[in-house]
Amino acid sequence: MAFNVTWHPGPKAVAGMHQLGSARELAALVIYLDPDSLVIMPPADPAEWPRFISLLHQIRDGVAELADHLDRTGAPGPDGE
């Protein structure tokens, strides 16, 4: 099943790791998009964690690359240029 989404975060959007309980597998990546939220949970089977960890590293690297690109590009002025 394919699932594609596009969000435009609101002004109060934040992201981070959230511990959902005392067990280490109950942590998740939470992105509060203002007003929506996205939670990325680790697989229930710890044997699948290495692939999940690889995905998290890819997300981290992609986010850093996008942030660097936007920093270099600069924010548009009030007239859009």
PDB file of N, CA and C in Angstrom:
ATOM      1  N   MET A   1       0.844  -1.170   0.000  1.00  0.00           N
ATOM      2  CA  MET A   1       0.000   0.000   0.000  1.00  0.00           C
ATOM      3  C   MET A   1       0.895   1.241   0.000  1.00  0.00           C
ATOM      4  N   ALA A   2       0.701   2.101  -0.966  1.00  0.00           N
ATOM      5  CA  ALA A   2       1.446   3.358  -1.021  1.00  0.00           C
ATOM      6  C   ALA A   2       0.711   4.412  -0.207  1.00  0.00           C
ATOM      7  N   PHE A   3       1.495   5.266   0.435  1.00  0.00           N
ATOM      8  CA  PHE A   3       0.923   6.324   1.259  1.00  0.00           C
ATOM      9  C   PHE A   3       1.794   7.555   1.098  1.00  0.00           C
ATOM     10  N   ASN A   4       1.253   8.577   0.508  1.00  0.00           N
ATOM     11  CA  ASN A   4       1.985   9.823   0.307  1.00  0.00           C
ATOM     12  C   ASN A   4       1.210  10.957   0.959  1.00  0.00           C
ATOM     13  N   VAL A   5       1.943  11.826   1.640  1.00  0.00           N
ATOM     14  CA  VAL A   5       1.312  12.978   2.284  1.00  0.00           C
ATOM     15  C   VAL A   5       2.191  14.202   2.093  1.00  0.00           C
ATOM     16  N   THR A   6       1.571  15.343   2.153  1.00  0.00           N
ATOM     17  CA  THR A   6       2.287  16.611   2.134  1.00  0.00           C
ATOM     18  C   THR A   6       1.674  17.487   3.207  1.00  0.00           C
ATOM     19  N   TRP A   7       2.536  18.025   4.066  1.00  0.00           N
ATOM     20  CA  TRP A   7       2.081  18.937   5.104  1.00  0.00           C
ATOM     21  C   TRP A   7       2.809  20.262   4.957  1.00  0.00           C
ATOM     22  N   HIS A   8       2.171  21.277   5.397  1.00  0.00           N
ATOM     23  CA  HIS A   8       2.794  22.581   5.523  1.00  0.00           C
ATOM     24  C   HIS A   8       2.713  22.931   7.004  1.00  0.00           C
ATOM     25  N   PRO A   9       3.827  22.797   7.722  1.00  0.00           N
ATOM     26  CA  PRO A   9       3.801  23.011   9.164  1.00  0.00           C
ATOM     27  C   PRO A   9       3.337  24.408   9.545  1.00  0.00           C
ATOM     28  N   GLY A  10       2.606  24.491  10.640  1.00  0.00           N
ATOM     29  CA  GLY A  10       2.170  25.764  11.184  1.00  0.00           C
ATOM     30  C   GLY A  10       3.288  26.419  11.971  1.00  0.00           C
ATOM     31  N   PRO A  11       3.047  27.616  12.480  1.00  0.00           N
ATOM     32  CA  PRO A  11       4.093  28.376  13.170  1.00  0.00           C
ATOM     33  C   PRO A  11       4.551  27.751  14.488  1.00  0.00           C
ATOM     34  N   LYS A  12       3.784  26.848  15.055  1.00  0.00           N
ATOM     35  CA  LYS A  12       4.154  26.236  16.332  1.00  0.00           C
ATOM     36  C   LYS A  12       4.655  24.802  16.156  1.00  0.00           C
ATOM     37  N   ALA A  13       5.049  24.415  14.944  1.00  0.00           N
ATOM     38  CA  ALA A  13       5.516  23.056  14.671  1.00  0.00           C
ATOM     39  C   ALA A  13       6.835  22.784  15.394  1.00  0.00           C
ATOM     40  N   VAL A  14       6.950  21.594  15.967  1.00  0.00           N
ATOM     41  CA  VAL A  14       8.175  21.147  16.642  1.00  0.00           C
ATOM     42  C   VAL A  14       8.332  19.652  16.407  1.00  0.00           C
ATOM     43  N   ALA A  15       9.550  19.156  16.626  1.00  0.00           N
ATOM     44  CA  ALA A  15       9.796  17.726  16.448  1.00  0.00           C
ATOM     45  C   ALA A  15      10.790  17.252  17.489  1.00  0.00           C
ATOM     46  N   GLY A  16      10.725  15.973  17.808  1.00  0.00           N
ATOM     47  CA  GLY A  16      11.687  15.399  18.733  1.00  0.00           C
ATOM     48  C   GLY A  16      11.335  13.974  19.090  1.00  0.00           C
ATOM     49  N   MET A  17      12.214  13.354  19.863  1.00  0.00           N
ATOM     50  CA  MET A  17      11.973  12.012  20.351  1.00  0.00           C
ATOM     51  C   MET A  17      11.093  12.096  21.594  1.00  0.00           C
ATOM     52  N   HIS A  18      10.171  11.182  21.700  1.00  0.00           N
ATOM     53  CA  HIS A  18       9.268  11.172  22.849  1.00  0.00           C
ATOM     54  C   HIS A  18       9.272   9.778  23.448  1.00  0.00           C
ATOM     55  N   GLN A  19       9.580   9.683  24.718  1.00  0.00           N
ATOM     56  CA  GLN A  19       9.540   8.404  25.434  1.00  0.00           C
ATOM     57  C   GLN A  19       8.093   8.156  25.850  1.00  0.00           C
ATOM     58  N   LEU A  20       7.532   7.054  25.390  1.00  0.00           N
ATOM     59  CA  LEU A  20       6.124   6.769  25.645  1.00  0.00           C
ATOM     60  C   LEU A  20       5.904   5.939  26.899  1.00  0.00           C
ATOM     61  N   GLY A  21       6.951   5.472  27.486  1.00  0.00           N
ATOM     62  CA  GLY A  21       6.848   4.665  28.693  1.00  0.00           C
ATOM     63  C   GLY A  21       8.233   4.386  29.226  1.00  0.00           C
ATOM     64  N   SER A  22       8.350   3.428  30.118  1.00  0.00           N
ATOM     65  CA  SER A  22       9.644   3.141  30.713  1.00  0.00           C
ATOM     66  C   SER A  22      10.469   2.169  29.869  1.00  0.00           C
ATOM     67  N   ALA A  23       9.837   1.428  28.969  1.00  0.00           N
ATOM     68  CA  ALA A  23      10.561   0.472  28.136  1.00  0.00           C
ATOM     69  C   ALA A  23      11.186   1.188  26.945  1.00  0.00           C
ATOM     70  N   ARG A  24      12.412   0.826  26.589  1.00  0.00           N
ATOM     71  CA  ARG A  24      13.130   1.538  25.526  1.00  0.00           C
ATOM     72  C   ARG A  24      12.437   1.447  24.179  1.00  0.00           C
ATOM     73  N   GLU A  25      11.687   0.383  23.938  1.00  0.00           N
ATOM     74  CA  GLU A  25      11.014   0.256  22.644  1.00  0.00           C
ATOM     75  C   GLU A  25       9.770   1.136  22.541  1.00  0.00           C
ATOM     76  N   LEU A  26       9.431   1.828  23.609  1.00  0.00           N
ATOM     77  CA  LEU A  26       8.263   2.694  23.583  1.00  0.00           C
ATOM     78  C   LEU A  26       8.641   4.149  23.335  1.00  0.00           C
ATOM     79  N   ALA A  27       9.690   4.353  22.571  1.00  0.00           N
ATOM     80  CA  ALA A  27      10.077   5.696  22.160  1.00  0.00           C
ATOM     81  C   ALA A  27       9.661   5.878  20.705  1.00  0.00           C
ATOM     82  N   ALA A  28       9.459   7.122  20.304  1.00  0.00           N
ATOM     83  CA  ALA A  28       9.028   7.395  18.938  1.00  0.00           C
ATOM     84  C   ALA A  28       9.539   8.761  18.506  1.00  0.00           C
ATOM     85  N   LEU A  29       9.613   8.950  17.207  1.00  0.00           N
ATOM     86  CA  LEU A  29       9.870  10.267  16.644  1.00  0.00           C
ATOM     87  C   LEU A  29       8.515  10.938  16.489  1.00  0.00           C
ATOM     88  N   VAL A  30       8.352  12.096  17.113  1.00  0.00           N
ATOM     89  CA  VAL A  30       7.079  12.806  17.072  1.00  0.00           C
ATOM     90  C   VAL A  30       7.294  14.154  16.408  1.00  0.00           C
ATOM     91  N   ILE A  31       6.459  14.444  15.427  1.00  0.00           N
ATOM     92  CA  ILE A  31       6.512  15.730  14.748  1.00  0.00           C
ATOM     93  C   ILE A  31       5.140  16.371  14.909  1.00  0.00           C
ATOM     94  N   TYR A  32       5.086  17.417  15.723  1.00  0.00           N
ATOM     95  CA  TYR A  32       3.853  18.177  15.920  1.00  0.00           C
ATOM     96  C   TYR A  32       3.844  19.260  14.849  1.00  0.00           C
ATOM     97  N   LEU A  33       2.965  19.113  13.876  1.00  0.00           N
ATOM     98  CA  LEU A  33       2.983  19.982  12.711  1.00  0.00           C
ATOM     99  C   LEU A  33       2.110  21.214  12.853  1.00  0.00           C
ATOM    100  N   ASP A  34       1.388  21.335  13.943  1.00  0.00           N
ATOM    101  CA  ASP A  34       0.520  22.496  14.182  1.00  0.00           C
ATOM    102  C   ASP A  34      -0.456  22.710  13.027  1.00  0.00           C
ATOM    103  N   PRO A  35      -1.583  22.042  13.019  1.00  0.00           N
ATOM    104  CA  PRO A  35      -2.217  21.355  14.135  1.00  0.00           C
ATOM    105  C   PRO A  35      -2.085  19.830  14.087  1.00  0.00           C
ATOM    106  N   ASP A  36      -1.598  19.261  13.004  1.00  0.00           N
ATOM    107  CA  ASP A  36      -1.522  17.806  12.884  1.00  0.00           C
ATOM    108  C   ASP A  36      -0.263  17.262  13.537  1.00  0.00           C
ATOM    109  N   SER A  37      -0.228  15.949  13.745  1.00  0.00           N
ATOM    110  CA  SER A  37       0.948  15.289  14.309  1.00  0.00           C
ATOM    111  C   SER A  37       1.279  14.046  13.497  1.00  0.00           C
ATOM    112  N   LEU A  38       2.560  13.733  13.458  1.00  0.00           N
ATOM    113  CA  LEU A  38       3.053  12.518  12.814  1.00  0.00           C
ATOM    114  C   LEU A  38       3.930  11.809  13.825  1.00  0.00           C
ATOM    115  N   VAL A  39       3.678  10.522  14.051  1.00  0.00           N
ATOM    116  CA  VAL A  39       4.472   9.728  14.982  1.00  0.00           C
ATOM    117  C   VAL A  39       5.059   8.558  14.209  1.00  0.00           C
ATOM    118  N   ILE A  40       6.377   8.382  14.318  1.00  0.00           N
ATOM    119  CA  ILE A  40       7.044   7.257  13.682  1.00  0.00           C
ATOM    120  C   ILE A  40       7.547   6.354  14.795  1.00  0.00           C
ATOM    121  N   MET A  41       6.942   5.180  14.891  1.00  0.00           N
ATOM    122  CA  MET A  41       7.231   4.222  15.961  1.00  0.00           C
ATOM    123  C   MET A  41       8.214   3.166  15.472  1.00  0.00           C
ATOM    124  N   PRO A  42       9.070   2.670  16.354  1.00  0.00           N
ATOM    125  CA  PRO A  42       9.948   1.561  15.967  1.00  0.00           C
ATOM    126  C   PRO A  42       9.130   0.285  15.797  1.00  0.00           C
ATOM    127  N   PRO A  43       9.637  -0.654  14.987  1.00  0.00           N
ATOM    128  CA  PRO A  43       8.950  -1.940  14.841  1.00  0.00           C
ATOM    129  C   PRO A  43       8.841  -2.644  16.193  1.00  0.00           C
ATOM    130  N   ALA A  44       7.800  -3.424  16.368  1.00  0.00           N
ATOM    131  CA  ALA A  44       7.610  -4.164  17.618  1.00  0.00           C
ATOM    132  C   ALA A  44       8.697  -5.209  17.823  1.00  0.00           C
ATOM    133  N   ASP A  45       9.219  -5.762  16.738  1.00  0.00           N
ATOM    134  CA  ASP A  45      10.242  -6.799  16.812  1.00  0.00           C
ATOM    135  C   ASP A  45      11.633  -6.160  16.798  1.00  0.00           C
ATOM    136  N   PRO A  46      12.383  -6.237  17.898  1.00  0.00           N
ATOM    137  CA  PRO A  46      13.726  -5.643  17.943  1.00  0.00           C
ATOM    138  C   PRO A  46      14.662  -6.162  16.844  1.00  0.00           C
ATOM    139  N   ALA A  47      14.382  -7.335  16.289  1.00  0.00           N
ATOM    140  CA  ALA A  47      15.209  -7.855  15.199  1.00  0.00           C
ATOM    141  C   ALA A  47      15.114  -6.957  13.958  1.00  0.00           C
ATOM    142  N   GLU A  48      14.032  -6.187  13.861  1.00  0.00           N
ATOM    143  CA  GLU A  48      13.842  -5.276  12.728  1.00  0.00           C
ATOM    144  C   GLU A  48      14.417  -3.894  12.997  1.00  0.00           C
ATOM    145  N   TRP A  49      14.921  -3.646  14.191  1.00  0.00           N
ATOM    146  CA  TRP A  49      15.427  -2.320  14.544  1.00  0.00           C
ATOM    147  C   TRP A  49      16.599  -1.850  13.686  1.00  0.00           C
ATOM    148  N   PRO A  50      17.555  -2.721  13.296  1.00  0.00           N
ATOM    149  CA  PRO A  50      18.657  -2.210  12.477  1.00  0.00           C
ATOM    150  C   PRO A  50      18.189  -1.516  11.200  1.00  0.00           C
ATOM    151  N   ARG A  51      17.207  -2.061  10.511  1.00  0.00           N
ATOM    152  CA  ARG A  51      16.681  -1.405   9.305  1.00  0.00           C
ATOM    153  C   ARG A  51      15.968  -0.107   9.672  1.00  0.00           C
ATOM    154  N   PHE A  52      15.253  -0.110  10.779  1.00  0.00           N
ATOM    155  CA  PHE A  52      14.551   1.094  11.221  1.00  0.00           C
ATOM    156  C   PHE A  52      15.555   2.187  11.599  1.00  0.00           C
ATOM    157  N   ILE A  53      16.621   1.794  12.289  1.00  0.00           N
ATOM    158  CA  ILE A  53      17.661   2.749  12.658  1.00  0.00           C
ATOM    159  C   ILE A  53      18.290   3.337  11.400  1.00  0.00           C
ATOM    160  N   SER A  54      18.507   2.509  10.394  1.00  0.00           N
ATOM    161  CA  SER A  54      19.043   3.001   9.122  1.00  0.00           C
ATOM    162  C   SER A  54      18.103   4.035   8.511  1.00  0.00           C
ATOM    163  N   LEU A  55      16.812   3.778   8.554  1.00  0.00           N
ATOM    164  CA  LEU A  55      15.827   4.738   8.045  1.00  0.00           C
ATOM    165  C   LEU A  55      15.911   6.048   8.828  1.00  0.00           C
ATOM    166  N   LEU A  56      16.012   5.974  10.148  1.00  0.00           N
ATOM    167  CA  LEU A  56      16.118   7.191  10.955  1.00  0.00           C
ATOM    168  C   LEU A  56      17.364   7.997  10.585  1.00  0.00           C
ATOM    169  N   HIS A  57      18.482   7.304  10.319  1.00  0.00           N
ATOM    170  CA  HIS A  57      19.696   8.003   9.889  1.00  0.00           C
ATOM    171  C   HIS A  57      19.485   8.669   8.527  1.00  0.00           C
ATOM    172  N   GLN A  58      18.756   8.005   7.639  1.00  0.00           N
ATOM    173  CA  GLN A  58      18.463   8.593   6.331  1.00  0.00           C
ATOM    174  C   GLN A  58      17.574   9.828   6.490  1.00  0.00           C
ATOM    175  N   ILE A  59      16.597   9.754   7.382  1.00  0.00           N
ATOM    176  CA  ILE A  59      15.738  10.916   7.646  1.00  0.00           C
ATOM    177  C   ILE A  59      16.592  12.059   8.191  1.00  0.00           C
ATOM    178  N   ARG A  60      17.454  11.760   9.175  1.00  0.00           N
ATOM    179  CA  ARG A  60      18.342  12.783   9.744  1.00  0.00           C
ATOM    180  C   ARG A  60      19.192  13.433   8.662  1.00  0.00           C
ATOM    181  N   ASP A  61      19.809  12.614   7.816  1.00  0.00           N
ATOM    182  CA  ASP A  61      20.686  13.140   6.776  1.00  0.00           C
ATOM    183  C   ASP A  61      19.916  13.964   5.754  1.00  0.00           C
ATOM    184  N   GLY A  62      18.718  13.492   5.386  1.00  0.00           N
ATOM    185  CA  GLY A  62      17.894  14.230   4.431  1.00  0.00           C
ATOM    186  C   GLY A  62      17.434  15.564   4.992  1.00  0.00           C
ATOM    187  N   VAL A  63      17.091  15.577   6.259  1.00  0.00           N
ATOM    188  CA  VAL A  63      16.667  16.821   6.915  1.00  0.00           C
ATOM    189  C   VAL A  63      17.830  17.807   6.967  1.00  0.00           C
ATOM    190  N   ALA A  64      19.019  17.329   7.304  1.00  0.00           N
ATOM    191  CA  ALA A  64      20.193  18.205   7.354  1.00  0.00           C
ATOM    192  C   ALA A  64      20.506  18.765   5.966  1.00  0.00           C
ATOM    193  N   GLU A  65      20.402  17.920   4.955  1.00  0.00           N
ATOM    194  CA  GLU A  65      20.657  18.366   3.587  1.00  0.00           C
ATOM    195  C   GLU A  65      19.646  19.427   3.152  1.00  0.00           C
ATOM    196  N   LEU A  66      18.369  19.223   3.471  1.00  0.00           N
ATOM    197  CA  LEU A  66      17.334  20.201   3.124  1.00  0.00           C
ATOM    198  C   LEU A  66      17.557  21.507   3.869  1.00  0.00           C
ATOM    199  N   ALA A  67      17.871  21.431   5.166  1.00  0.00           N
ATOM    200  CA  ALA A  67      18.108  22.644   5.950  1.00  0.00           C
ATOM    201  C   ALA A  67      19.302  23.427   5.388  1.00  0.00           C
ATOM    202  N   ASP A  68      20.379  22.718   5.032  1.00  0.00           N
ATOM    203  CA  ASP A  68      21.543  23.385   4.445  1.00  0.00           C
ATOM    204  C   ASP A  68      21.177  24.040   3.119  1.00  0.00           C
ATOM    205  N   HIS A  69      20.404  23.338   2.305  1.00  0.00           N
ATOM    206  CA  HIS A  69      19.981  23.890   1.017  1.00  0.00           C
ATOM    207  C   HIS A  69      19.157  25.166   1.213  1.00  0.00           C
ATOM    208  N   LEU A  70      18.206  25.125   2.124  1.00  0.00           N
ATOM    209  CA  LEU A  70      17.368  26.300   2.369  1.00  0.00           C
ATOM    210  C   LEU A  70      18.186  27.449   2.951  1.00  0.00           C
ATOM    211  N   ASP A  71      19.160  27.131   3.815  1.00  0.00           N
ATOM    212  CA  ASP A  71      20.046  28.172   4.350  1.00  0.00           C
ATOM    213  C   ASP A  71      20.821  28.852   3.224  1.00  0.00           C
ATOM    214  N   ARG A  72      21.333  28.061   2.285  1.00  0.00           N
ATOM    215  CA  ARG A  72      22.102  28.614   1.173  1.00  0.00           C
ATOM    216  C   ARG A  72      21.218  29.406   0.216  1.00  0.00           C
ATOM    217  N   THR A  73      19.995  28.929   0.021  1.00  0.00           N
ATOM    218  CA  THR A  73      19.081  29.562  -0.929  1.00  0.00           C
ATOM    219  C   THR A  73      18.587  30.901  -0.391  1.00  0.00           C
ATOM    220  N   GLY A  74      18.383  30.976   0.915  1.00  0.00           N
ATOM    221  CA  GLY A  74      17.889  32.198   1.540  1.00  0.00           C
ATOM    222  C   GLY A  74      16.372  32.273   1.497  1.00  0.00           C
ATOM    223  N   ALA A  75      15.832  32.973   2.458  1.00  0.00           N
ATOM    224  CA  ALA A  75      14.373  33.151   2.534  1.00  0.00           C
ATOM    225  C   ALA A  75      13.950  34.227   1.546  1.00  0.00           C
ATOM    226  N   PRO A  76      12.817  34.035   0.861  1.00  0.00           N
ATOM    227  CA  PRO A  76      12.338  35.062  -0.052  1.00  0.00           C
ATOM    228  C   PRO A  76      11.935  36.330   0.699  1.00  0.00           C
ATOM    229  N   GLY A  77      12.084  37.446   0.037  1.00  0.00           N
ATOM    230  CA  GLY A  77      11.671  38.728   0.618  1.00  0.00           C
ATOM    231  C   GLY A  77      10.163  38.880   0.612  1.00  0.00           C
ATOM    232  N   PRO A  78       9.650  40.001   1.088  1.00  0.00           N
ATOM    233  CA  PRO A  78       8.204  40.212   1.185  1.00  0.00           C
ATOM    234  C   PRO A  78       7.501  40.150  -0.172  1.00  0.00           C
ATOM    235  N   ASP A  79       8.217  40.468  -1.248  1.00  0.00           N
ATOM    236  CA  ASP A  79       7.599  40.417  -2.578  1.00  0.00           C
ATOM    237  C   ASP A  79       7.776  39.068  -3.254  1.00  0.00           C
ATOM    238  N   GLY A  80       8.339  38.080  -2.495  1.00  0.00           N
ATOM    239  CA  GLY A  80       8.492  36.731  -3.011  1.00  0.00           C
ATOM    240  C   GLY A  80       9.815  36.487  -3.714  1.00  0.00           C
ATOM    241  N   GLU A  81      10.682  37.505  -3.772  1.00  0.00           N
ATOM    242  CA  GLU A  81      11.968  37.333  -4.448  1.00  0.00           C
ATOM    243  C   GLU A  81      13.119  37.400  -3.455  1.00  0.00           C
TER     244      GLU A  81
END
